[in-house]
Amino acid sequence: MADPSLLRELVERCESLRRSLARGGSSAETARELEDVTYTLCVVTGTRQLDAALFVARRQLAGSLARHQPLHPSG
């Protein structure tokens, strides 16, 4: 499992680039950057497609958050 901070960064960057491209900010540089982030996200999640990589990354992030949350509120 990848470091949660790395996963969070990759997911956020991927979403930001996808939004930029959807708004018509389609430049060769932005498209290439999305390809690079997609590749990295797929490698660290052990997947081959972006949607699967995002699903796995979000699931791992949720699991990480759950492990670090106390079961009972203190106080």
C-alpha atoms as a PDB file:
ATOM      1  CA  MET A   1       0.000   0.000   0.000  1.00  0.00           C
ATOM      2  CA  ALA A   2       1.328   3.409  -0.975  1.00  0.00           C
ATOM      3  CA  ASP A   3       1.905   6.212   1.489  1.00  0.00           C
ATOM      4  CA  PRO A   4      -1.402   8.032   2.077  1.00  0.00           C
ATOM      5  CA  SER A   5       0.129  11.449   1.461  1.00  0.00           C
ATOM      6  CA  LEU A   6       1.427  10.279  -1.933  1.00  0.00           C
ATOM      7  CA  LEU A   7      -1.949   8.786  -2.831  1.00  0.00           C
ATOM      8  CA  ARG A   8      -3.753  11.961  -1.800  1.00  0.00           C
ATOM      9  CA  GLU A   9      -1.380  14.092  -3.867  1.00  0.00           C
ATOM     10  CA  LEU A  10      -1.763  11.890  -6.946  1.00  0.00           C
ATOM     11  CA  VAL A  11      -5.569  11.752  -6.703  1.00  0.00           C
ATOM     12  CA  GLU A  12      -5.834  15.510  -6.226  1.00  0.00           C
ATOM     13  CA  ARG A  13      -3.450  16.201  -9.115  1.00  0.00           C
ATOM     14  CA  CYS A  14      -5.290  13.799 -11.389  1.00  0.00           C
ATOM     15  CA  GLU A  15      -8.663  15.348 -10.575  1.00  0.00           C
ATOM     16  CA  SER A  16      -7.295  18.849 -11.108  1.00  0.00           C
ATOM     17  CA  LEU A  17      -5.836  17.958 -14.506  1.00  0.00           C
ATOM     18  CA  ARG A  18      -9.041  16.210 -15.578  1.00  0.00           C
ATOM     19  CA  ARG A  19     -11.084  19.285 -14.638  1.00  0.00           C
ATOM     20  CA  SER A  20      -8.693  21.500 -16.563  1.00  0.00           C
ATOM     21  CA  LEU A  21      -8.993  19.361 -19.671  1.00  0.00           C
ATOM     22  CA  ALA A  22     -12.809  19.199 -19.322  1.00  0.00           C
ATOM     23  CA  ARG A  23     -12.981  22.995 -19.196  1.00  0.00           C
ATOM     24  CA  GLY A  24     -11.193  23.181 -22.507  1.00  0.00           C
ATOM     25  CA  GLY A  25      -7.772  23.823 -21.055  1.00  0.00           C
ATOM     26  CA  SER A  26      -6.520  21.119 -23.343  1.00  0.00           C
ATOM     27  CA  SER A  27      -2.877  21.653 -24.023  1.00  0.00           C
ATOM     28  CA  ALA A  28      -0.361  19.042 -24.979  1.00  0.00           C
ATOM     29  CA  GLU A  29       1.477  19.750 -21.739  1.00  0.00           C
ATOM     30  CA  THR A  30      -1.635  19.240 -19.583  1.00  0.00           C
ATOM     31  CA  ALA A  31      -2.524  16.029 -21.408  1.00  0.00           C
ATOM     32  CA  ARG A  32       1.024  14.728 -20.984  1.00  0.00           C
ATOM     33  CA  GLU A  33       1.005  15.622 -17.304  1.00  0.00           C
ATOM     34  CA  LEU A  34      -2.266  13.708 -16.850  1.00  0.00           C
ATOM     35  CA  GLU A  35      -0.718  10.701 -18.604  1.00  0.00           C
ATOM     36  CA  ASP A  36       2.255  10.834 -16.230  1.00  0.00           C
ATOM     37  CA  VAL A  37       0.080  11.126 -13.121  1.00  0.00           C
ATOM     38  CA  THR A  38      -2.188   8.348 -14.400  1.00  0.00           C
ATOM     39  CA  TYR A  39       0.791   6.065 -14.983  1.00  0.00           C
ATOM     40  CA  THR A  40       2.177   6.731 -11.502  1.00  0.00           C
ATOM     41  CA  LEU A  41      -1.206   6.248  -9.846  1.00  0.00           C
ATOM     42  CA  CYS A  42      -1.713   2.968 -11.691  1.00  0.00           C
ATOM     43  CA  VAL A  43       1.733   1.728 -10.657  1.00  0.00           C
ATOM     44  CA  VAL A  44       1.288   2.542  -6.966  1.00  0.00           C
ATOM     45  CA  THR A  45      -2.206   1.013  -6.867  1.00  0.00           C
ATOM     46  CA  GLY A  46      -1.377  -2.054  -8.965  1.00  0.00           C
ATOM     47  CA  THR A  47      -4.014  -1.269 -11.581  1.00  0.00           C
ATOM     48  CA  ARG A  48      -4.021  -0.601 -15.319  1.00  0.00           C
ATOM     49  CA  GLN A  49      -6.803   1.935 -15.829  1.00  0.00           C
ATOM     50  CA  LEU A  50      -7.349   5.365 -14.324  1.00  0.00           C
ATOM     51  CA  ASP A  51     -10.848   4.715 -12.983  1.00  0.00           C
ATOM     52  CA  ALA A  52      -9.660   1.561 -11.229  1.00  0.00           C
ATOM     53  CA  ALA A  53      -6.601   3.367  -9.873  1.00  0.00           C
ATOM     54  CA  LEU A  54      -8.742   6.178  -8.475  1.00  0.00           C
ATOM     55  CA  PHE A  55     -11.124   3.665  -6.898  1.00  0.00           C
ATOM     56  CA  VAL A  56      -8.294   1.742  -5.227  1.00  0.00           C
ATOM     57  CA  ALA A  57      -6.523   4.922  -4.104  1.00  0.00           C
ATOM     58  CA  ARG A  58      -9.689   6.349  -2.554  1.00  0.00           C
ATOM     59  CA  ARG A  59     -10.414   3.041  -0.824  1.00  0.00           C
ATOM     60  CA  GLN A  60      -6.877   2.938   0.582  1.00  0.00           C
ATOM     61  CA  LEU A  61      -7.140   6.554   1.728  1.00  0.00           C
ATOM     62  CA  ALA A  62     -10.450   5.836   3.456  1.00  0.00           C
ATOM     63  CA  GLY A  63      -8.928   2.788   5.138  1.00  0.00           C
ATOM     64  CA  SER A  64      -5.949   4.811   6.275  1.00  0.00           C
ATOM     65  CA  LEU A  65      -8.210   7.494   7.694  1.00  0.00           C
ATOM     66  CA  ALA A  66     -10.315   4.891   9.504  1.00  0.00           C
ATOM     67  CA  ARG A  67      -7.205   3.343  11.078  1.00  0.00           C
ATOM     68  CA  HIS A  68      -6.117   6.719  12.418  1.00  0.00           C
ATOM     69  CA  GLN A  69      -9.501   7.758  13.815  1.00  0.00           C
ATOM     70  CA  PRO A  70     -10.276   6.854  17.415  1.00  0.00           C
ATOM     71  CA  LEU A  71     -13.154   4.423  17.799  1.00  0.00           C
ATOM     72  CA  HIS A  72     -14.570   6.394  20.705  1.00  0.00           C
ATOM     73  CA  PRO A  73     -14.368  10.138  21.091  1.00  0.00           C
ATOM     74  CA  SER A  74     -12.164  11.136  23.979  1.00  0.00           C
ATOM     75  CA  GLY A  75     -13.449  13.420  26.632  1.00  0.00           C
END
